[in-house]
Amino acid sequence: MLGVSVSTVGRALADRPEISDAMKARVRSLAEQHGYVAHSAARSMRTGHSTLIGLIVPDVRNDFYGAAAMALAKCCEDAGYQMVLAATRDDPDSELKQVRSLVEARAAGMVIALSPSPRRETLALVRRLRSTELIRDVAGGDTPWFGIDDHRGIETATLHLLDGGHRRIGYVGGQEALSTGRDRHAGFAAAFARRGLDLPADLVRTGPPDARFAEKAMAELWSSAHRPTAVVAAGAGLTVGVLEAIGRLGIDVPAELSAVGFGDAPWFRWWGPGLTTMALPVYELAYACGGHLLRQIERPAPAADEKPPRYRAMHSPTLIVRGSTANV
C-alpha cells in the first residue's frame, strides 16, 4: 500500500534510526487506520524474549502488594515493557502454573513473592528466568532480593510500646517458614532483650499472613486470662485482621489496648484515633526492584561458569505515631 518493502515497514514500526521520521509517520498512520498491531509472538522469536514482565504475589488485596504493583507497572511502562499480574494465594501449585506460563510466553523477566513452600520446579524456573524476589527471601542462590528491614521495623514498634510502660504486649505475625515471619518475630523478641525484660510467650500468635488468621488470633488474645495491654500486628494483612477483631469486640483503643500496625494504607490515618504503624517505602522499593530487573534484562547473559554475587537491597521502615498508642 505504501510501495515500500516489508522490512522497511517493520523497521519503521520498531522506531529504528535508519528509517526517516517522515516514513515512520506514514507507516504508523496507515497502521492505525487499518488497526494493525505488531505480532508479539513473532517479535519474541526474533529477540529471544517478549516485553512482558511478570509480577507474582500472594494476594492483590494486600495493600502492600497493590501499591507495589502500581509502582512496578510504572517502572515497566517507563522502560517500554508491560507488566502482567498474577496472584497465587500462597498455593504452590498455582504458583508453579503462573511461573511456568511466564516462561512459556518468553517473558523478559519476573518479580515474585514466593510462597512458603514452593515446588522444586518453581525454583528451577525462577532461576532460569531473569527474576527478582520481592519482600520474601525464599529462593536463595543467585536470585536478587529487594525487601524491608523486618527485624528493625518490629523491634522499633515494640520498643515504642515498652518505653510507654507496656509489658503485656501481644504479637500477631506470619509463620516462621517465611523469612518475613522469622525476622519480624526475632525483632519482637530483640526489643524485650534490649530492655532486659522477659518475652510474654503466651501472647505470641503466628500463622498464615492474612486477615482471617489475625482476626482469630486477636480474639484469642483478648479472651485470655491475662489480656495484653498492647498488640503489634506484623504484616499488612495481619493488621487488617487485628483491627477487624478490635472493632467486632468493641475494644477501646487506646484506653483498653494500644495497637501498632504494619504498612501505612491511607485509611490507617482515619481509623479510630489514627493507627500508629510502621510505614514502608513501598513505591521506592518496588520501583527500585523493577529498575534492577530491567537492567539485568538489558545486559548480556553471564557465561555459564560465571557466578556473580547475589544482589540484596534492604529498605528501612519508619514508625509513625498516631492516637492508637498511649502510655500505661
C-alpha atoms as a PDB file:
ATOM      1  CA  MET A   1       0.000   0.000   0.000  1.00  0.00           C
ATOM      2  CA  LEU A   2       2.910   2.349   0.659  1.00  0.00           C
ATOM      3  CA  GLY A   3       5.117   0.944  -2.074  1.00  0.00           C
ATOM      4  CA  VAL A   4       7.931   0.034   0.329  1.00  0.00           C
ATOM      5  CA  SER A   5       9.374  -3.283   1.469  1.00  0.00           C
ATOM      6  CA  VAL A   6       8.118  -5.359   4.410  1.00  0.00           C
ATOM      7  CA  SER A   7      11.447  -4.801   6.170  1.00  0.00           C
ATOM      8  CA  THR A   8      11.049  -1.019   5.886  1.00  0.00           C
ATOM      9  CA  VAL A   9       7.599  -1.226   7.467  1.00  0.00           C
ATOM     10  CA  GLY A  10       8.957  -3.422  10.258  1.00  0.00           C
ATOM     11  CA  ARG A  11      11.856  -1.081  10.979  1.00  0.00           C
ATOM     12  CA  ALA A  12       9.563   1.948  10.930  1.00  0.00           C
ATOM     13  CA  LEU A  13       7.194   0.377  13.463  1.00  0.00           C
ATOM     14  CA  ALA A  14      10.186  -0.592  15.615  1.00  0.00           C
ATOM     15  CA  ASP A  15      11.377   3.059  15.513  1.00  0.00           C
ATOM     16  CA  ARG A  16      14.743   2.080  14.032  1.00  0.00           C
ATOM     17  CA  PRO A  17      17.105   5.057  13.445  1.00  0.00           C
ATOM     18  CA  GLU A  18      17.861   4.181   9.798  1.00  0.00           C
ATOM     19  CA  ILE A  19      14.234   4.973   8.848  1.00  0.00           C
ATOM     20  CA  SER A  20      13.339   8.634   8.324  1.00  0.00           C
ATOM     21  CA  ASP A  21      10.806  10.346  10.590  1.00  0.00           C
ATOM     22  CA  ALA A  22       8.607  11.042   7.575  1.00  0.00           C
ATOM     23  CA  MET A  23       8.445   7.369   6.615  1.00  0.00           C
ATOM     24  CA  LYS A  24       7.796   6.346  10.244  1.00  0.00           C
ATOM     25  CA  ALA A  25       4.878   8.778  10.341  1.00  0.00           C
ATOM     26  CA  ARG A  26       3.410   7.400   7.096  1.00  0.00           C
ATOM     27  CA  VAL A  27       3.725   3.800   8.257  1.00  0.00           C
ATOM     28  CA  ARG A  28       2.207   4.474  11.688  1.00  0.00           C
ATOM     29  CA  SER A  29      -0.656   6.477  10.219  1.00  0.00           C
ATOM     30  CA  LEU A  30      -1.627   3.691   7.813  1.00  0.00           C
ATOM     31  CA  ALA A  31      -1.179   1.040  10.526  1.00  0.00           C
ATOM     32  CA  GLU A  32      -3.574   2.924  12.810  1.00  0.00           C
ATOM     33  CA  GLN A  33      -6.142   3.305  10.025  1.00  0.00           C
ATOM     34  CA  HIS A  34      -6.177  -0.460   9.454  1.00  0.00           C
ATOM     35  CA  GLY A  35      -5.971  -1.476  13.129  1.00  0.00           C
ATOM     36  CA  TYR A  36      -2.591  -3.149  12.703  1.00  0.00           C
ATOM     37  CA  VAL A  37      -0.972  -4.479  15.881  1.00  0.00           C
ATOM     38  CA  ALA A  38       2.561  -5.896  15.977  1.00  0.00           C
ATOM     39  CA  HIS A  39       2.797  -9.686  16.320  1.00  0.00           C
ATOM     40  CA  SER A  40       4.401 -10.016  19.752  1.00  0.00           C
ATOM     41  CA  ALA A  41       5.000 -13.765  19.409  1.00  0.00           C
ATOM     42  CA  ALA A  42       6.932 -13.253  16.165  1.00  0.00           C
ATOM     43  CA  ARG A  43       8.912 -10.434  17.744  1.00  0.00           C
ATOM     44  CA  SER A  44       9.816 -12.583  20.747  1.00  0.00           C
ATOM     45  CA  MET A  45      11.062 -15.331  18.417  1.00  0.00           C
ATOM     46  CA  ARG A  46      13.430 -12.830  16.859  1.00  0.00           C
ATOM     47  CA  THR A  47      14.636 -11.171  20.081  1.00  0.00           C
ATOM     48  CA  GLY A  48      14.549 -14.227  22.351  1.00  0.00           C
ATOM     49  CA  HIS A  49      12.047 -12.676  24.775  1.00  0.00           C
ATOM     50  CA  SER A  50       8.891 -10.570  24.824  1.00  0.00           C
ATOM     51  CA  THR A  51       8.375  -7.201  26.502  1.00  0.00           C
ATOM     52  CA  LEU A  52       6.339  -8.818  29.288  1.00  0.00           C
ATOM     53  CA  ILE A  53       7.396  -8.545  32.931  1.00  0.00           C
ATOM     54  CA  GLY A  54       5.539 -10.782  35.366  1.00  0.00           C
ATOM     55  CA  LEU A  55       4.620  -9.805  38.925  1.00  0.00           C
ATOM     56  CA  ILE A  56       3.517 -12.781  41.027  1.00  0.00           C
ATOM     57  CA  VAL A  57       2.268 -12.076  44.558  1.00  0.00           C
ATOM     58  CA  PRO A  58       0.226 -13.995  47.151  1.00  0.00           C
ATOM     59  CA  ASP A  59      -2.742 -11.596  47.376  1.00  0.00           C
ATOM     60  CA  VAL A  60      -3.545  -8.399  45.456  1.00  0.00           C
ATOM     61  CA  ARG A  61      -5.968  -7.383  48.231  1.00  0.00           C
ATOM     62  CA  ASN A  62      -2.968  -6.805  50.481  1.00  0.00           C
ATOM     63  CA  ASP A  63      -2.333  -3.049  50.460  1.00  0.00           C
ATOM     64  CA  PHE A  64       1.420  -3.553  50.198  1.00  0.00           C
ATOM     65  CA  TYR A  65       1.262  -5.726  47.091  1.00  0.00           C
ATOM     66  CA  GLY A  66      -1.343  -3.479  45.481  1.00  0.00           C
ATOM     67  CA  ALA A  67       0.889  -0.435  45.897  1.00  0.00           C
ATOM     68  CA  ALA A  68       3.929  -2.402  44.730  1.00  0.00           C
ATOM     69  CA  ALA A  69       2.063  -3.447  41.576  1.00  0.00           C
ATOM     70  CA  MET A  70       1.312   0.200  40.729  1.00  0.00           C
ATOM     71  CA  ALA A  71       4.974   1.174  41.155  1.00  0.00           C
ATOM     72  CA  LEU A  72       6.292  -1.755  39.129  1.00  0.00           C
ATOM     73  CA  ALA A  73       3.772  -1.131  36.354  1.00  0.00           C
ATOM     74  CA  LYS A  74       5.003   2.470  36.084  1.00  0.00           C
ATOM     75  CA  CYS A  75       8.643   1.338  36.070  1.00  0.00           C
ATOM     76  CA  CYS A  76       7.942  -1.128  33.253  1.00  0.00           C
ATOM     77  CA  GLU A  77       5.934   1.400  31.245  1.00  0.00           C
ATOM     78  CA  ASP A  78       8.726   3.980  31.507  1.00  0.00           C
ATOM     79  CA  ALA A  79      11.158   1.442  30.015  1.00  0.00           C
ATOM     80  CA  GLY A  80       8.877   0.209  27.209  1.00  0.00           C
ATOM     81  CA  TYR A  81       7.799  -3.011  28.930  1.00  0.00           C
ATOM     82  CA  GLN A  82       4.392  -4.241  30.088  1.00  0.00           C
ATOM     83  CA  MET A  83       3.658  -5.758  33.470  1.00  0.00           C
ATOM     84  CA  VAL A  84       1.260  -8.691  33.910  1.00  0.00           C
ATOM     85  CA  LEU A  85      -0.040  -9.550  37.380  1.00  0.00           C
ATOM     86  CA  ALA A  86      -0.887 -12.920  38.962  1.00  0.00           C
ATOM     87  CA  ALA A  87      -1.981 -13.866  42.492  1.00  0.00           C
ATOM     88  CA  THR A  88      -1.162 -17.305  43.935  1.00  0.00           C
ATOM     89  CA  ARG A  89      -2.944 -17.268  47.336  1.00  0.00           C
ATOM     90  CA  ASP A  90       0.315 -18.863  48.562  1.00  0.00           C
ATOM     91  CA  ASP A  91      -0.744 -22.084  46.823  1.00  0.00           C
ATOM     92  CA  PRO A  92       2.381 -23.871  45.489  1.00  0.00           C
ATOM     93  CA  ASP A  93       0.508 -25.460  42.564  1.00  0.00           C
ATOM     94  CA  SER A  94      -0.996 -22.157  41.439  1.00  0.00           C
ATOM     95  CA  GLU A  95       2.404 -20.542  41.821  1.00  0.00           C
ATOM     96  CA  LEU A  96       4.065 -23.157  39.603  1.00  0.00           C
ATOM     97  CA  LYS A  97       1.363 -22.703  36.964  1.00  0.00           C
ATOM     98  CA  GLN A  98       1.858 -18.914  36.895  1.00  0.00           C
ATOM     99  CA  VAL A  99       5.655 -19.131  36.724  1.00  0.00           C
ATOM    100  CA  ARG A 100       5.537 -21.782  34.010  1.00  0.00           C
ATOM    101  CA  SER A 101       3.137 -19.618  31.966  1.00  0.00           C
ATOM    102  CA  LEU A 102       5.580 -16.710  32.062  1.00  0.00           C
ATOM    103  CA  VAL A 103       8.434 -18.921  30.870  1.00  0.00           C
ATOM    104  CA  GLU A 104       6.261 -20.336  28.073  1.00  0.00           C
ATOM    105  CA  ALA A 105       5.348 -16.797  26.998  1.00  0.00           C
ATOM    106  CA  ARG A 106       9.063 -15.931  26.819  1.00  0.00           C
ATOM    107  CA  ALA A 107       8.597 -13.183  29.399  1.00  0.00           C
ATOM    108  CA  ALA A 108      11.608 -10.925  29.689  1.00  0.00           C
ATOM    109  CA  GLY A 109      11.676 -11.251  33.472  1.00  0.00           C
ATOM    110  CA  MET A 110       9.722 -11.681  36.675  1.00  0.00           C
ATOM    111  CA  VAL A 111       9.316 -10.161  40.133  1.00  0.00           C
ATOM    112  CA  ILE A 112       7.942 -12.682  42.625  1.00  0.00           C
ATOM    113  CA  ALA A 113       6.985 -13.029  46.276  1.00  0.00           C
ATOM    114  CA  LEU A 114       7.348 -16.783  46.651  1.00  0.00           C
ATOM    115  CA  SER A 115       5.079 -18.949  48.789  1.00  0.00           C
ATOM    116  CA  PRO A 116       6.473 -20.512  51.992  1.00  0.00           C
ATOM    117  CA  SER A 117       6.987 -23.941  50.345  1.00  0.00           C
ATOM    118  CA  PRO A 118       7.423 -23.545  46.585  1.00  0.00           C
ATOM    119  CA  ARG A 119       7.691 -26.581  44.327  1.00  0.00           C
ATOM    120  CA  ARG A 120      11.194 -27.632  43.252  1.00  0.00           C
ATOM    121  CA  GLU A 121      10.258 -26.996  39.617  1.00  0.00           C
ATOM    122  CA  THR A 122       9.114 -23.482  40.526  1.00  0.00           C
ATOM    123  CA  LEU A 123      12.516 -22.640  41.983  1.00  0.00           C
ATOM    124  CA  ALA A 124      14.253 -24.091  38.919  1.00  0.00           C
ATOM    125  CA  LEU A 125      12.132 -21.911  36.607  1.00  0.00           C
ATOM    126  CA  VAL A 126      12.699 -18.827  38.772  1.00  0.00           C
ATOM    127  CA  ARG A 127      16.454 -19.307  38.385  1.00  0.00           C
ATOM    128  CA  ARG A 128      16.061 -19.911  34.642  1.00  0.00           C
ATOM    129  CA  LEU A 129      14.185 -16.642  34.022  1.00  0.00           C
ATOM    130  CA  ARG A 130      15.605 -13.219  34.885  1.00  0.00           C
ATOM    131  CA  SER A 131      13.926 -12.943  38.279  1.00  0.00           C
ATOM    132  CA  THR A 132      13.960 -10.801  41.399  1.00  0.00           C
ATOM    133  CA  GLU A 133      12.422 -11.700  44.761  1.00  0.00           C
ATOM    134  CA  LEU A 134      10.226  -9.112  46.467  1.00  0.00           C
ATOM    135  CA  ILE A 135       9.896  -8.929  50.288  1.00  0.00           C
ATOM    136  CA  ARG A 136      10.181 -12.681  50.925  1.00  0.00           C
ATOM    137  CA  ASP A 137      13.632 -14.257  50.736  1.00  0.00           C
ATOM    138  CA  VAL A 138      12.918 -17.844  49.727  1.00  0.00           C
ATOM    139  CA  ALA A 139      14.816 -18.936  46.602  1.00  0.00           C
ATOM    140  CA  GLY A 140      18.320 -18.072  47.791  1.00  0.00           C
ATOM    141  CA  GLY A 141      21.157 -18.812  45.423  1.00  0.00           C
ATOM    142  CA  ASP A 142      21.696 -16.201  42.746  1.00  0.00           C
ATOM    143  CA  THR A 143      18.249 -14.563  42.796  1.00  0.00           C
ATOM    144  CA  PRO A 144      18.373 -10.821  43.656  1.00  0.00           C
ATOM    145  CA  TRP A 145      16.199  -9.744  46.593  1.00  0.00           C
ATOM    146  CA  PHE A 146      14.528  -6.439  47.492  1.00  0.00           C
ATOM    147  CA  GLY A 147      12.928  -6.248  50.919  1.00  0.00           C
ATOM    148  CA  ILE A 148      12.277  -4.479  54.189  1.00  0.00           C
ATOM    149  CA  ASP A 149      14.427  -4.479  57.325  1.00  0.00           C
ATOM    150  CA  ASP A 150      11.737  -6.514  59.089  1.00  0.00           C
ATOM    151  CA  HIS A 151      13.773  -7.133  62.241  1.00  0.00           C
ATOM    152  CA  ARG A 152      14.434  -3.449  62.806  1.00  0.00           C
ATOM    153  CA  GLY A 153      10.863  -2.456  61.971  1.00  0.00           C
ATOM    154  CA  ILE A 154       9.149  -4.705  64.507  1.00  0.00           C
ATOM    155  CA  GLU A 155      11.859  -4.086  67.115  1.00  0.00           C
ATOM    156  CA  THR A 156      11.223  -0.331  66.779  1.00  0.00           C
ATOM    157  CA  ALA A 157       7.465  -0.792  67.091  1.00  0.00           C
ATOM    158  CA  THR A 158       7.834  -2.975  70.184  1.00  0.00           C
ATOM    159  CA  LEU A 159      10.324  -0.622  71.835  1.00  0.00           C
ATOM    160  CA  HIS A 160       7.813   2.202  71.365  1.00  0.00           C
ATOM    161  CA  LEU A 161       5.298   0.236  73.447  1.00  0.00           C
ATOM    162  CA  LEU A 162       7.827  -0.943  76.036  1.00  0.00           C
ATOM    163  CA  ASP A 163       9.047   2.601  76.565  1.00  0.00           C
ATOM    164  CA  GLY A 164       5.424   3.613  77.140  1.00  0.00           C
ATOM    165  CA  GLY A 165       5.258   1.212  80.079  1.00  0.00           C
ATOM    166  CA  HIS A 166       3.625  -1.795  78.383  1.00  0.00           C
ATOM    167  CA  ARG A 167       4.836  -5.242  79.373  1.00  0.00           C
ATOM    168  CA  ARG A 168       1.938  -7.493  78.308  1.00  0.00           C
ATOM    169  CA  ILE A 169       2.334  -6.968  74.573  1.00  0.00           C
ATOM    170  CA  GLY A 170       0.595  -9.297  72.143  1.00  0.00           C
ATOM    171  CA  TYR A 171       2.217 -10.248  68.849  1.00  0.00           C
ATOM    172  CA  VAL A 172       0.354 -11.377  65.719  1.00  0.00           C
ATOM    173  CA  GLY A 173       2.786 -12.406  62.984  1.00  0.00           C
ATOM    174  CA  GLY A 174       3.297 -14.608  59.932  1.00  0.00           C
ATOM    175  CA  GLN A 175       4.538 -18.173  60.094  1.00  0.00           C
ATOM    176  CA  GLU A 176       8.256 -18.683  60.535  1.00  0.00           C
ATOM    177  CA  ALA A 177       8.527 -20.705  57.335  1.00  0.00           C
ATOM    178  CA  LEU A 178       8.756 -17.267  55.699  1.00  0.00           C
ATOM    179  CA  SER A 179      11.814 -15.043  56.075  1.00  0.00           C
ATOM    180  CA  THR A 180       9.484 -12.151  56.923  1.00  0.00           C
ATOM    181  CA  GLY A 181       7.842 -14.156  59.706  1.00  0.00           C
ATOM    182  CA  ARG A 182      11.181 -15.196  61.196  1.00  0.00           C
ATOM    183  CA  ASP A 183      12.754 -11.748  61.047  1.00  0.00           C
ATOM    184  CA  ARG A 184       9.745  -9.893  62.449  1.00  0.00           C
ATOM    185  CA  HIS A 185       9.323 -12.348  65.321  1.00  0.00           C
ATOM    186  CA  ALA A 186      13.046 -12.025  66.059  1.00  0.00           C
ATOM    187  CA  GLY A 187      12.667  -8.239  66.136  1.00  0.00           C
ATOM    188  CA  PHE A 188       9.833  -8.536  68.656  1.00  0.00           C
ATOM    189  CA  ALA A 189      11.975 -10.719  70.925  1.00  0.00           C
ATOM    190  CA  ALA A 190      15.007  -8.453  70.486  1.00  0.00           C
ATOM    191  CA  ALA A 191      13.103  -5.443  71.825  1.00  0.00           C
ATOM    192  CA  PHE A 192      12.395  -7.233  75.122  1.00  0.00           C
ATOM    193  CA  ALA A 193      16.001  -8.386  75.329  1.00  0.00           C
ATOM    194  CA  ARG A 194      17.258  -4.826  74.823  1.00  0.00           C
ATOM    195  CA  ARG A 195      15.196  -3.645  77.783  1.00  0.00           C
ATOM    196  CA  GLY A 196      16.203  -6.662  79.908  1.00  0.00           C
ATOM    197  CA  LEU A 197      12.634  -7.982  80.047  1.00  0.00           C
ATOM    198  CA  ASP A 198      11.132 -11.455  79.652  1.00  0.00           C
ATOM    199  CA  LEU A 199       9.238 -12.136  76.459  1.00  0.00           C
ATOM    200  CA  PRO A 200       5.497 -12.807  77.072  1.00  0.00           C
ATOM    201  CA  ALA A 201       5.496 -16.037  75.047  1.00  0.00           C
ATOM    202  CA  ASP A 202       1.830 -16.737  75.907  1.00  0.00           C
ATOM    203  CA  LEU A 203       0.855 -13.633  73.902  1.00  0.00           C
ATOM    204  CA  VAL A 204       2.604 -14.641  70.668  1.00  0.00           C
ATOM    205  CA  ARG A 205       0.465 -15.882  67.774  1.00  0.00           C
ATOM    206  CA  THR A 206       1.936 -16.824  64.377  1.00  0.00           C
ATOM    207  CA  GLY A 207       0.254 -18.282  61.316  1.00  0.00           C
ATOM    208  CA  PRO A 208      -0.750 -17.501  57.719  1.00  0.00           C
ATOM    209  CA  PRO A 209      -0.127 -13.804  56.994  1.00  0.00           C
ATOM    210  CA  ASP A 210      -3.763 -12.974  56.270  1.00  0.00           C
ATOM    211  CA  ALA A 211      -6.652 -11.119  57.877  1.00  0.00           C
ATOM    212  CA  ARG A 212      -8.672 -14.244  58.754  1.00  0.00           C
ATOM    213  CA  PHE A 213      -5.899 -15.709  60.897  1.00  0.00           C
ATOM    214  CA  ALA A 214      -5.142 -12.345  62.536  1.00  0.00           C
ATOM    215  CA  GLU A 215      -8.774 -11.714  63.489  1.00  0.00           C
ATOM    216  CA  LYS A 216      -8.963 -15.099  65.200  1.00  0.00           C
ATOM    217  CA  ALA A 217      -5.587 -14.598  66.901  1.00  0.00           C
ATOM    218  CA  MET A 218      -6.583 -11.191  68.273  1.00  0.00           C
ATOM    219  CA  ALA A 219      -9.836 -12.613  69.616  1.00  0.00           C
ATOM    220  CA  GLU A 220      -7.865 -15.381  71.383  1.00  0.00           C
ATOM    221  CA  LEU A 221      -5.504 -12.854  72.951  1.00  0.00           C
ATOM    222  CA  TRP A 222      -8.377 -10.731  74.218  1.00  0.00           C
ATOM    223  CA  SER A 223     -10.184 -13.724  75.739  1.00  0.00           C
ATOM    224  CA  SER A 224      -7.083 -14.954  77.607  1.00  0.00           C
ATOM    225  CA  ALA A 225      -6.931 -14.817  81.399  1.00  0.00           C
ATOM    226  CA  HIS A 226      -4.240 -12.117  81.301  1.00  0.00           C
ATOM    227  CA  ARG A 227      -5.123  -9.809  78.444  1.00  0.00           C
ATOM    228  CA  PRO A 228      -2.465  -7.800  76.664  1.00  0.00           C
ATOM    229  CA  THR A 229      -2.367  -4.046  77.152  1.00  0.00           C
ATOM    230  CA  ALA A 230      -0.934  -3.600  73.651  1.00  0.00           C
ATOM    231  CA  VAL A 231      -0.591  -5.513  70.400  1.00  0.00           C
ATOM    232  CA  VAL A 232       1.800  -5.485  67.447  1.00  0.00           C
ATOM    233  CA  ALA A 233       0.465  -6.645  64.068  1.00  0.00           C
ATOM    234  CA  ALA A 234       3.467  -7.741  61.991  1.00  0.00           C
ATOM    235  CA  GLY A 235       2.058  -7.581  58.455  1.00  0.00           C
ATOM    236  CA  ALA A 236      -0.292  -5.561  56.270  1.00  0.00           C
ATOM    237  CA  GLY A 237      -2.964  -8.266  56.000  1.00  0.00           C
ATOM    238  CA  LEU A 238      -2.474  -9.149  59.665  1.00  0.00           C
ATOM    239  CA  THR A 239      -3.089  -5.514  60.605  1.00  0.00           C
ATOM    240  CA  VAL A 240      -6.456  -5.603  58.833  1.00  0.00           C
ATOM    241  CA  GLY A 241      -7.497  -8.717  60.762  1.00  0.00           C
ATOM    242  CA  VAL A 242      -6.380  -7.325  64.121  1.00  0.00           C
ATOM    243  CA  LEU A 243      -8.321  -4.109  63.534  1.00  0.00           C
ATOM    244  CA  GLU A 244     -11.404  -6.053  62.455  1.00  0.00           C
ATOM    245  CA  ALA A 245     -11.270  -8.028  65.718  1.00  0.00           C
ATOM    246  CA  ILE A 246     -10.814  -4.852  67.748  1.00  0.00           C
ATOM    247  CA  GLY A 247     -13.901  -3.353  66.117  1.00  0.00           C
ATOM    248  CA  ARG A 248     -16.017  -6.511  66.454  1.00  0.00           C
ATOM    249  CA  LEU A 249     -15.086  -6.930  70.132  1.00  0.00           C
ATOM    250  CA  GLY A 250     -15.681  -3.271  70.927  1.00  0.00           C
ATOM    251  CA  ILE A 251     -12.200  -2.755  72.386  1.00  0.00           C
ATOM    252  CA  ASP A 252     -11.489   0.857  73.339  1.00  0.00           C
ATOM    253  CA  VAL A 253      -8.237   1.987  71.677  1.00  0.00           C
ATOM    254  CA  PRO A 254      -6.034   3.226  73.290  1.00  0.00           C
ATOM    255  CA  ALA A 255      -7.823   3.217  76.678  1.00  0.00           C
ATOM    256  CA  GLU A 256      -8.004  -0.595  76.894  1.00  0.00           C
ATOM    257  CA  LEU A 257      -5.472  -1.568  74.251  1.00  0.00           C
ATOM    258  CA  SER A 258      -2.661   0.170  72.367  1.00  0.00           C
ATOM    259  CA  ALA A 259      -2.216  -1.045  68.812  1.00  0.00           C
ATOM    260  CA  VAL A 260       0.639  -0.818  66.282  1.00  0.00           C
ATOM    261  CA  GLY A 261       0.174  -1.850  62.646  1.00  0.00           C
ATOM    262  CA  PHE A 262       2.421  -2.625  59.705  1.00  0.00           C
ATOM    263  CA  GLY A 263       2.346  -0.662  56.473  1.00  0.00           C
ATOM    264  CA  ASP A 264       0.503   2.611  56.055  1.00  0.00           C
ATOM    265  CA  ALA A 265      -2.629   2.275  53.936  1.00  0.00           C
ATOM    266  CA  PRO A 266      -4.408   5.647  53.561  1.00  0.00           C
ATOM    267  CA  TRP A 267      -7.305   4.573  55.775  1.00  0.00           C
ATOM    268  CA  PHE A 268      -4.945   3.921  58.700  1.00  0.00           C
ATOM    269  CA  ARG A 269      -4.844   7.688  59.202  1.00  0.00           C
ATOM    270  CA  TRP A 270      -8.553   7.933  59.986  1.00  0.00           C
ATOM    271  CA  TRP A 271      -9.147   4.543  61.603  1.00  0.00           C
ATOM    272  CA  GLY A 272     -10.370   5.250  65.151  1.00  0.00           C
ATOM    273  CA  PRO A 273      -7.890   7.666  66.749  1.00  0.00           C
ATOM    274  CA  GLY A 274      -5.424   7.095  63.892  1.00  0.00           C
ATOM    275  CA  LEU A 275      -3.263   3.986  63.767  1.00  0.00           C
ATOM    276  CA  THR A 276       0.329   4.050  64.953  1.00  0.00           C
ATOM    277  CA  THR A 277       2.188   1.987  62.372  1.00  0.00           C
ATOM    278  CA  MET A 278       5.443   1.064  60.658  1.00  0.00           C
ATOM    279  CA  ALA A 279       5.274   2.866  57.303  1.00  0.00           C
ATOM    280  CA  LEU A 280       7.028   1.104  54.436  1.00  0.00           C
ATOM    281  CA  PRO A 281       8.726   2.755  51.423  1.00  0.00           C
ATOM    282  CA  VAL A 282       6.606   0.624  49.075  1.00  0.00           C
ATOM    283  CA  TYR A 283       6.836   2.752  45.933  1.00  0.00           C
ATOM    284  CA  GLU A 284      10.586   3.296  46.208  1.00  0.00           C
ATOM    285  CA  LEU A 285      11.184  -0.387  46.974  1.00  0.00           C
ATOM    286  CA  ALA A 286       9.092  -1.740  44.082  1.00  0.00           C
ATOM    287  CA  TYR A 287      10.385   0.818  41.565  1.00  0.00           C
ATOM    288  CA  ALA A 288      13.996   0.071  42.530  1.00  0.00           C
ATOM    289  CA  CYS A 289      13.281  -3.652  42.270  1.00  0.00           C
ATOM    290  CA  GLY A 290      11.856  -3.196  38.765  1.00  0.00           C
ATOM    291  CA  GLY A 291      14.740  -0.980  37.696  1.00  0.00           C
ATOM    292  CA  HIS A 292      17.290  -3.547  38.803  1.00  0.00           C
ATOM    293  CA  LEU A 293      15.469  -6.329  36.954  1.00  0.00           C
ATOM    294  CA  LEU A 294      15.254  -4.304  33.732  1.00  0.00           C
ATOM    295  CA  ARG A 295      18.968  -3.514  33.880  1.00  0.00           C
ATOM    296  CA  GLN A 296      19.710  -7.227  34.164  1.00  0.00           C
ATOM    297  CA  ILE A 297      17.477  -7.957  31.179  1.00  0.00           C
ATOM    298  CA  GLU A 298      19.288  -5.406  29.016  1.00  0.00           C
ATOM    299  CA  ARG A 299      22.713  -6.820  29.896  1.00  0.00           C
ATOM    300  CA  PRO A 300      24.197  -9.848  28.121  1.00  0.00           C
ATOM    301  CA  ALA A 301      23.633 -13.140  29.908  1.00  0.00           C
ATOM    302  CA  PRO A 302      26.624 -14.157  32.080  1.00  0.00           C
ATOM    303  CA  ALA A 303      28.854 -17.019  30.987  1.00  0.00           C
ATOM    304  CA  ALA A 304      27.915 -20.485  32.206  1.00  0.00           C
ATOM    305  CA  ASP A 305      30.889 -20.603  34.583  1.00  0.00           C
ATOM    306  CA  GLU A 306      30.363 -17.058  35.863  1.00  0.00           C
ATOM    307  CA  LYS A 307      28.550 -16.673  39.169  1.00  0.00           C
ATOM    308  CA  PRO A 308      28.056 -13.001  40.077  1.00  0.00           C
ATOM    309  CA  PRO A 309      27.473 -12.098  43.745  1.00  0.00           C
ATOM    310  CA  ARG A 310      23.865 -12.113  44.856  1.00  0.00           C
ATOM    311  CA  TYR A 311      22.287  -8.659  44.983  1.00  0.00           C
ATOM    312  CA  ARG A 312      20.387  -7.732  48.160  1.00  0.00           C
ATOM    313  CA  ALA A 313      18.688  -4.400  48.847  1.00  0.00           C
ATOM    314  CA  MET A 314      17.102  -3.720  52.238  1.00  0.00           C
ATOM    315  CA  HIS A 315      14.877  -0.685  52.835  1.00  0.00           C
ATOM    316  CA  SER A 316      14.071   0.705  56.285  1.00  0.00           C
ATOM    317  CA  PRO A 317      10.527   1.256  57.608  1.00  0.00           C
ATOM    318  CA  THR A 318       9.567   4.329  59.653  1.00  0.00           C
ATOM    319  CA  LEU A 319       7.488   4.439  62.836  1.00  0.00           C
ATOM    320  CA  ILE A 320       4.550   6.846  62.552  1.00  0.00           C
ATOM    321  CA  VAL A 321       2.978   7.581  65.941  1.00  0.00           C
ATOM    322  CA  ARG A 322      -0.739   8.384  65.978  1.00  0.00           C
ATOM    323  CA  GLY A 323      -3.505   8.082  68.527  1.00  0.00           C
ATOM    324  CA  SER A 324      -3.760   4.274  68.803  1.00  0.00           C
ATOM    325  CA  THR A 325      -0.920   4.016  71.341  1.00  0.00           C
ATOM    326  CA  ALA A 326      -0.748   5.509  74.816  1.00  0.00           C
ATOM    327  CA  ASN A 327       1.416   5.115  77.922  1.00  0.00           C
ATOM    328  CA  VAL A 328       0.267   2.947  80.816  1.00  0.00           C
END
